[in-house]
Amino acid sequence: MSPTVFKQGKYRFHFFSKEEERVHIHVVSPDGEAKFWLEPTISLANYSGLSKKELNFLQKTVEKHKNEIIKKWKKHFKTGNN
């Protein structure tokens, strides 16, 4: 299972149901994919097929939606306060 947290243009921001505990988000597009850690700070974990410009845009988008991502993560994985 791979619940979508939100979509922005051609990018889908999601996480997988069987994940490690550290909060992170996966991003997929027709061109490639990336993974961003949200803890302890927002940082790029890995990527493939995306340009530096796209990665910068995606990191800013993750920063903008950080609270929403964490809230949905906690709700989905039933951790912490929802």
N, C-alpha and C. Protein backbone atom coordinates (compact mmCIF):
# COMPACT_ATOMS: atom_id res chain seq x y z
N MET A 1 0.85 -1.18 0.00
CA MET A 1 0.00 0.00 0.00
C MET A 1 0.89 1.24 0.00
N SER A 2 0.49 2.22 -0.78
CA SER A 2 1.29 3.43 -0.94
C SER A 2 0.37 4.65 -0.92
N PRO A 3 -0.07 5.07 0.28
CA PRO A 3 -1.02 6.19 0.34
C PRO A 3 -0.43 7.51 -0.15
N THR A 4 -1.20 8.20 -0.97
CA THR A 4 -0.80 9.51 -1.47
C THR A 4 -1.09 10.55 -0.39
N VAL A 5 -0.09 11.36 -0.08
CA VAL A 5 -0.27 12.45 0.88
C VAL A 5 -0.83 13.66 0.16
N PHE A 6 -0.24 13.99 -1.00
CA PHE A 6 -0.77 15.06 -1.85
C PHE A 6 -0.09 14.98 -3.21
N LYS A 7 -0.65 15.71 -4.17
CA LYS A 7 -0.06 15.81 -5.51
C LYS A 7 0.21 17.27 -5.81
N GLN A 8 1.28 17.50 -6.55
CA GLN A 8 1.64 18.86 -6.98
C GLN A 8 2.11 18.73 -8.42
N GLY A 9 1.28 19.18 -9.35
CA GLY A 9 1.64 19.03 -10.76
C GLY A 9 1.82 17.57 -11.11
N LYS A 10 2.98 17.24 -11.70
CA LYS A 10 3.24 15.86 -12.12
C LYS A 10 3.84 15.00 -11.00
N TYR A 11 3.96 15.56 -9.80
CA TYR A 11 4.60 14.86 -8.69
C TYR A 11 3.57 14.31 -7.71
N ARG A 12 3.80 13.06 -7.29
CA ARG A 12 2.95 12.45 -6.26
C ARG A 12 3.82 12.22 -5.03
N PHE A 13 3.37 12.75 -3.91
CA PHE A 13 4.08 12.64 -2.63
C PHE A 13 3.38 11.54 -1.83
N HIS A 14 4.13 10.53 -1.42
CA HIS A 14 3.51 9.38 -0.77
C HIS A 14 4.50 8.69 0.15
N PHE A 15 3.98 7.73 0.92
CA PHE A 15 4.85 6.83 1.67
C PHE A 15 4.31 5.42 1.55
N PHE A 16 5.15 4.45 1.87
CA PHE A 16 4.77 3.05 1.80
C PHE A 16 4.31 2.58 3.18
N SER A 17 3.36 1.66 3.20
CA SER A 17 2.81 1.20 4.47
C SER A 17 3.81 0.43 5.32
N LYS A 18 4.69 -0.28 4.71
CA LYS A 18 5.70 -1.04 5.46
C LYS A 18 7.00 -0.25 5.41
N GLU A 19 7.12 0.73 6.29
CA GLU A 19 8.25 1.66 6.26
C GLU A 19 9.03 1.63 7.56
N GLU A 20 10.22 2.20 7.49
CA GLU A 20 11.00 2.41 8.70
C GLU A 20 10.36 3.53 9.52
N GLU A 21 10.77 3.66 10.77
CA GLU A 21 10.09 4.59 11.69
C GLU A 21 10.40 6.05 11.43
N ARG A 22 11.56 6.37 10.94
CA ARG A 22 11.95 7.77 10.74
C ARG A 22 11.07 8.39 9.65
N VAL A 23 10.47 9.54 9.96
CA VAL A 23 9.52 10.18 9.05
C VAL A 23 10.22 10.62 7.77
N HIS A 24 9.65 10.21 6.64
CA HIS A 24 10.17 10.60 5.34
C HIS A 24 9.05 10.53 4.31
N ILE A 25 9.30 11.08 3.14
CA ILE A 25 8.30 11.11 2.07
C ILE A 25 8.97 10.71 0.76
N HIS A 26 8.25 9.93 -0.02
CA HIS A 26 8.70 9.56 -1.36
C HIS A 26 7.99 10.46 -2.36
N VAL A 27 8.69 10.81 -3.43
CA VAL A 27 8.10 11.62 -4.50
C VAL A 27 8.36 10.88 -5.81
N VAL A 28 7.31 10.74 -6.61
CA VAL A 28 7.46 10.07 -7.89
C VAL A 28 6.85 10.92 -9.00
N SER A 29 7.48 10.90 -10.16
CA SER A 29 6.97 11.59 -11.34
C SER A 29 7.29 10.71 -12.54
N PRO A 30 6.78 11.06 -13.72
CA PRO A 30 7.12 10.27 -14.91
C PRO A 30 8.63 10.26 -15.20
N ASP A 31 9.36 11.26 -14.70
CA ASP A 31 10.79 11.39 -14.98
C ASP A 31 11.70 10.68 -13.99
N GLY A 32 11.23 10.48 -12.76
CA GLY A 32 12.09 9.90 -11.74
C GLY A 32 11.44 9.90 -10.38
N GLU A 33 12.27 9.75 -9.36
CA GLU A 33 11.77 9.69 -8.00
C GLU A 33 12.81 10.20 -7.01
N ALA A 34 12.32 10.50 -5.80
CA ALA A 34 13.20 10.98 -4.74
C ALA A 34 12.61 10.59 -3.40
N LYS A 35 13.46 10.63 -2.39
CA LYS A 35 13.04 10.37 -1.01
C LYS A 35 13.66 11.47 -0.15
N PHE A 36 12.83 12.09 0.70
CA PHE A 36 13.29 13.14 1.60
C PHE A 36 13.04 12.72 3.05
N TRP A 37 14.07 12.87 3.88
CA TRP A 37 13.91 12.72 5.33
C TRP A 37 13.25 13.99 5.86
N LEU A 38 12.40 13.87 6.86
CA LEU A 38 11.82 15.04 7.52
C LEU A 38 12.40 15.22 8.91
N GLU A 39 13.11 14.22 9.41
CA GLU A 39 13.69 14.28 10.74
C GLU A 39 15.15 13.86 10.67
N PRO A 40 16.05 14.46 11.37
CA PRO A 40 15.84 15.59 12.26
C PRO A 40 15.62 16.90 11.50
N THR A 41 16.11 16.97 10.26
CA THR A 41 15.83 18.12 9.40
C THR A 41 15.45 17.59 8.02
N ILE A 42 14.85 18.43 7.21
CA ILE A 42 14.48 18.02 5.86
C ILE A 42 15.76 17.89 5.03
N SER A 43 15.96 16.71 4.47
CA SER A 43 17.14 16.48 3.64
C SER A 43 16.85 15.40 2.61
N LEU A 44 17.54 15.49 1.50
CA LEU A 44 17.38 14.53 0.42
C LEU A 44 18.09 13.23 0.80
N ALA A 45 17.35 12.12 0.77
CA ALA A 45 17.93 10.81 1.09
C ALA A 45 18.52 10.17 -0.15
N ASN A 46 17.75 10.15 -1.24
CA ASN A 46 18.22 9.61 -2.51
C ASN A 46 17.29 10.03 -3.63
N TYR A 47 17.76 9.84 -4.86
CA TYR A 47 16.93 10.21 -6.01
C TYR A 47 17.45 9.53 -7.26
N SER A 48 16.62 9.52 -8.30
CA SER A 48 17.05 9.06 -9.62
C SER A 48 16.19 9.74 -10.67
N GLY A 49 16.82 10.14 -11.76
CA GLY A 49 16.12 10.68 -12.91
C GLY A 49 15.60 12.10 -12.80
N LEU A 50 15.90 12.80 -11.72
CA LEU A 50 15.41 14.17 -11.52
C LEU A 50 16.56 15.16 -11.60
N SER A 51 16.27 16.35 -12.13
CA SER A 51 17.29 17.40 -12.25
C SER A 51 17.47 18.12 -10.93
N LYS A 52 18.56 18.85 -10.83
CA LYS A 52 18.83 19.65 -9.64
C LYS A 52 17.70 20.67 -9.42
N LYS A 53 17.21 21.25 -10.50
CA LYS A 53 16.10 22.21 -10.42
C LYS A 53 14.86 21.54 -9.84
N GLU A 54 14.55 20.34 -10.30
CA GLU A 54 13.40 19.62 -9.77
C GLU A 54 13.59 19.27 -8.30
N LEU A 55 14.78 18.83 -7.94
CA LEU A 55 15.06 18.49 -6.54
C LEU A 55 14.92 19.70 -5.63
N ASN A 56 15.38 20.86 -6.07
CA ASN A 56 15.22 22.09 -5.28
C ASN A 56 13.74 22.42 -5.11
N PHE A 57 12.97 22.31 -6.20
CA PHE A 57 11.53 22.56 -6.14
C PHE A 57 10.86 21.58 -5.18
N LEU A 58 11.23 20.31 -5.27
CA LEU A 58 10.62 19.30 -4.41
C LEU A 58 10.97 19.52 -2.94
N GLN A 59 12.21 19.89 -2.65
CA GLN A 59 12.58 20.14 -1.26
C GLN A 59 11.79 21.32 -0.70
N LYS A 60 11.62 22.37 -1.48
CA LYS A 60 10.82 23.52 -1.03
C LYS A 60 9.37 23.11 -0.82
N THR A 61 8.85 22.23 -1.67
CA THR A 61 7.47 21.76 -1.53
C THR A 61 7.33 20.92 -0.26
N VAL A 62 8.30 20.07 0.02
CA VAL A 62 8.28 19.27 1.25
C VAL A 62 8.33 20.19 2.46
N GLU A 63 9.18 21.22 2.42
CA GLU A 63 9.26 22.18 3.53
C GLU A 63 7.91 22.85 3.75
N LYS A 64 7.26 23.25 2.67
CA LYS A 64 5.97 23.92 2.75
C LYS A 64 4.89 23.01 3.35
N HIS A 65 4.95 21.72 3.06
CA HIS A 65 3.92 20.77 3.49
C HIS A 65 4.37 19.90 4.66
N LYS A 66 5.45 20.26 5.31
CA LYS A 66 6.03 19.43 6.37
C LYS A 66 5.01 19.04 7.43
N ASN A 67 4.27 19.98 7.96
CA ASN A 67 3.31 19.67 9.02
C ASN A 67 2.23 18.71 8.54
N GLU A 68 1.74 18.91 7.33
CA GLU A 68 0.73 18.02 6.74
C GLU A 68 1.29 16.61 6.58
N ILE A 69 2.52 16.50 6.10
CA ILE A 69 3.15 15.19 5.91
C ILE A 69 3.29 14.46 7.24
N ILE A 70 3.80 15.15 8.25
CA ILE A 70 4.00 14.53 9.57
C ILE A 70 2.66 14.12 10.17
N LYS A 71 1.65 14.96 10.05
CA LYS A 71 0.33 14.64 10.58
C LYS A 71 -0.23 13.38 9.92
N LYS A 72 -0.12 13.29 8.60
CA LYS A 72 -0.64 12.12 7.89
C LYS A 72 0.21 10.88 8.19
N TRP A 73 1.51 11.06 8.37
CA TRP A 73 2.38 9.94 8.74
C TRP A 73 1.92 9.36 10.08
N LYS A 74 1.74 10.24 11.08
CA LYS A 74 1.33 9.78 12.41
C LYS A 74 -0.04 9.11 12.38
N LYS A 75 -0.94 9.66 11.59
CA LYS A 75 -2.27 9.06 11.48
C LYS A 75 -2.19 7.68 10.81
N HIS A 76 -1.44 7.58 9.74
CA HIS A 76 -1.33 6.32 9.01
C HIS A 76 -0.62 5.24 9.83
N PHE A 77 0.47 5.62 10.48
CA PHE A 77 1.24 4.65 11.24
C PHE A 77 0.83 4.60 12.72
N LYS A 78 -0.15 5.44 13.08
CA LYS A 78 -0.69 5.48 14.44
C LYS A 78 0.41 5.65 15.48
N THR A 79 1.22 6.69 15.26
CA THR A 79 2.30 7.01 16.19
C THR A 79 2.08 8.41 16.75
N GLY A 80 2.49 8.64 17.96
CA GLY A 80 2.42 9.98 18.55
C GLY A 80 1.01 10.51 18.61
N ASN A 81 0.91 11.82 18.74
CA ASN A 81 -0.39 12.48 18.78
C ASN A 81 -0.83 12.81 17.37
N ASN A 82 -2.08 12.54 17.05
CA ASN A 82 -2.60 12.81 15.70
C ASN A 82 -3.05 14.22 15.56
